[in-house]
Amino acid sequence: MNNTIHRSTDKEMASRVSEALNLLLEGYSPASIIKTMSKTHNVSIRQARRYVSGAQLDYFMEPMTRNDLEFGIALHIERLDRIADIAHQEKETKLEIAAVKASSGLRENRLKALQREQEYMVKTGSKGTIY
């Protein structure tokens, strides 16, 4: 049995981190990306986690604008609503309820964040957003 360890080159590492970032931006969960990349690239789960962690660091190194945040929230709400619709059509009641609850929770948290932002602006006399 050959136990030779093959280390990724810097170019391979950068390519795999970029691949993980693209999958994250497409909406895949980190867990599913880790599982897929582990199989696709024949690497350990631990190494695949490093790719995803690198992608998350690359993505979040840029300051998030309010538009980025709003877009991300809207995207997740839309996905949850689609999951609820499909679950309803397939008569998967538990999944439908879970998706509706998650979507409602996301909307509620967004509303609370907007309320906190308004309170902060009133308190500080700020005219801009805090994002």
Protein backbone atom coordinates (compact mmCIF):
# COMPACT_ATOMS: atom_id res chain seq x y z
CA MET A 1 0.00 0.00 0.00
CA ASN A 2 1.37 3.38 -0.99
CA ASN A 3 1.04 5.95 1.80
CA THR A 4 2.76 8.74 -0.12
CA ILE A 5 1.28 12.09 0.77
CA HIS A 6 0.64 14.32 -2.22
CA ARG A 7 0.70 17.95 -1.25
CA SER A 8 -1.26 20.40 -3.34
CA THR A 9 0.71 23.02 -5.20
CA ASP A 10 -0.07 26.66 -4.49
CA LYS A 11 -1.81 26.79 -7.86
CA GLU A 12 -3.99 23.74 -7.03
CA MET A 13 -4.80 25.19 -3.62
CA ALA A 14 -5.83 28.54 -5.10
CA SER A 15 -7.93 26.79 -7.74
CA ARG A 16 -9.73 24.67 -5.14
CA VAL A 17 -10.36 27.63 -2.84
CA SER A 18 -11.79 29.48 -5.83
CA GLU A 19 -13.97 26.47 -6.67
CA ALA A 20 -15.24 26.39 -3.07
CA LEU A 21 -15.99 30.12 -3.19
CA ASN A 22 -18.00 29.72 -6.40
CA LEU A 23 -20.03 26.92 -4.82
CA LEU A 24 -20.66 29.04 -1.72
CA LEU A 25 -21.84 31.92 -3.90
CA GLU A 26 -24.17 29.53 -5.74
CA GLY A 27 -25.80 28.80 -2.39
CA TYR A 28 -24.39 25.41 -1.50
CA SER A 29 -23.82 24.79 2.19
CA PRO A 30 -20.27 24.51 3.47
CA ALA A 31 -20.96 20.94 4.61
CA SER A 32 -22.10 19.81 1.16
CA ILE A 33 -19.13 21.54 -0.49
CA ILE A 34 -16.71 19.83 1.89
CA LYS A 35 -18.22 16.43 1.15
CA THR A 36 -18.21 17.01 -2.62
CA MET A 37 -14.69 18.42 -2.77
CA SER A 38 -13.35 15.61 -0.60
CA LYS A 39 -14.63 13.08 -3.14
CA THR A 40 -13.90 15.12 -6.26
CA HIS A 41 -10.29 15.89 -5.36
CA ASN A 42 -9.62 12.71 -3.38
CA VAL A 43 -8.62 14.64 -0.26
CA SER A 44 -9.51 14.26 3.39
CA ILE A 45 -12.53 15.97 4.91
CA ARG A 46 -10.08 18.05 6.92
CA GLN A 47 -8.33 19.29 3.77
CA ALA A 48 -11.65 20.03 2.06
CA ARG A 49 -12.58 22.09 5.14
CA ARG A 50 -9.42 24.13 4.59
CA TYR A 51 -10.54 24.91 1.04
CA VAL A 52 -13.95 26.07 2.25
CA SER A 53 -12.45 28.05 5.14
CA GLY A 54 -10.09 29.76 2.71
CA ALA A 55 -13.02 30.60 0.44
CA GLN A 56 -15.01 32.04 3.32
CA LEU A 57 -12.04 34.17 4.39
CA ASP A 58 -11.57 35.41 0.82
CA TYR A 59 -15.24 36.29 0.57
CA PHE A 60 -15.54 38.04 3.90
CA MET A 61 -12.28 39.97 3.66
CA GLU A 62 -14.12 42.55 1.58
CA PRO A 63 -16.35 44.80 3.67
CA MET A 64 -19.99 43.84 3.26
CA THR A 65 -22.20 46.60 1.97
CA ARG A 66 -25.82 47.00 2.88
CA ASN A 67 -26.76 45.95 -0.68
CA ASP A 68 -24.70 42.74 -0.31
CA LEU A 69 -26.46 42.00 2.95
CA GLU A 70 -29.93 42.73 1.56
CA PHE A 71 -29.23 40.60 -1.52
CA GLY A 72 -28.01 37.69 0.59
CA ILE A 73 -31.06 37.84 2.85
CA ALA A 74 -33.45 38.08 -0.11
CA LEU A 75 -31.73 35.14 -1.80
CA HIS A 76 -32.07 32.94 1.29
CA ILE A 77 -35.69 33.91 1.79
CA GLU A 78 -36.44 33.08 -1.85
CA ARG A 79 -34.75 29.68 -1.51
CA LEU A 80 -36.67 28.86 1.64
CA ASP A 81 -39.93 29.88 -0.01
CA ARG A 82 -39.15 27.61 -2.99
CA ILE A 83 -38.35 24.73 -0.65
CA ALA A 84 -41.67 25.28 1.13
CA ASP A 85 -43.54 25.31 -2.21
CA ILE A 86 -41.90 22.11 -3.40
CA ALA A 87 -42.46 20.44 -0.02
CA HIS A 88 -46.13 21.43 -0.19
CA GLN A 89 -46.47 19.94 -3.69
CA GLU A 90 -44.75 16.73 -2.54
CA LYS A 91 -46.92 16.59 0.60
CA GLU A 92 -43.80 16.78 2.81
CA THR A 93 -45.49 18.62 5.66
CA LYS A 94 -42.58 18.58 8.11
CA LEU A 95 -40.19 19.99 5.52
CA GLU A 96 -42.72 22.61 4.47
CA ILE A 97 -43.23 23.73 8.07
CA ALA A 98 -39.47 23.86 8.69
CA ALA A 99 -38.90 25.98 5.57
CA VAL A 100 -41.73 28.37 6.43
CA LYS A 101 -40.44 28.74 10.00
CA ALA A 102 -36.89 29.39 8.79
CA SER A 103 -38.11 31.95 6.24
CA SER A 104 -40.26 33.68 8.85
CA GLY A 105 -37.35 33.75 11.30
CA LEU A 106 -35.08 35.28 8.70
CA ARG A 107 -37.66 37.96 7.91
CA GLU A 108 -38.14 38.68 11.61
CA ASN A 109 -34.40 38.99 12.22
CA ARG A 110 -34.07 41.33 9.24
CA LEU A 111 -36.86 43.52 10.61
CA LYS A 112 -35.21 43.61 14.07
CA ALA A 113 -31.89 44.59 12.49
CA LEU A 114 -33.57 47.44 10.59
CA GLN A 115 -35.26 48.60 13.80
CA ARG A 116 -31.94 48.53 15.68
CA GLU A 117 -30.35 50.50 12.85
CA GLN A 118 -33.07 53.16 13.09
CA GLU A 119 -32.70 53.35 16.88
CA TYR A 120 -28.94 53.75 16.50
CA MET A 121 -29.35 56.49 13.91
CA VAL A 122 -31.81 58.39 16.14
CA LYS A 123 -29.58 57.95 19.19
CA THR A 124 -26.39 59.12 17.43
CA GLY A 125 -27.96 61.62 15.01
CA SER A 126 -26.41 59.66 12.14
CA LYS A 127 -27.93 60.00 8.68
CA GLY A 128 -26.23 57.03 6.99
CA THR A 129 -26.46 53.33 7.54
CA ILE A 130 -24.32 51.47 10.05
CA TYR A 131 -23.33 48.82 7.52
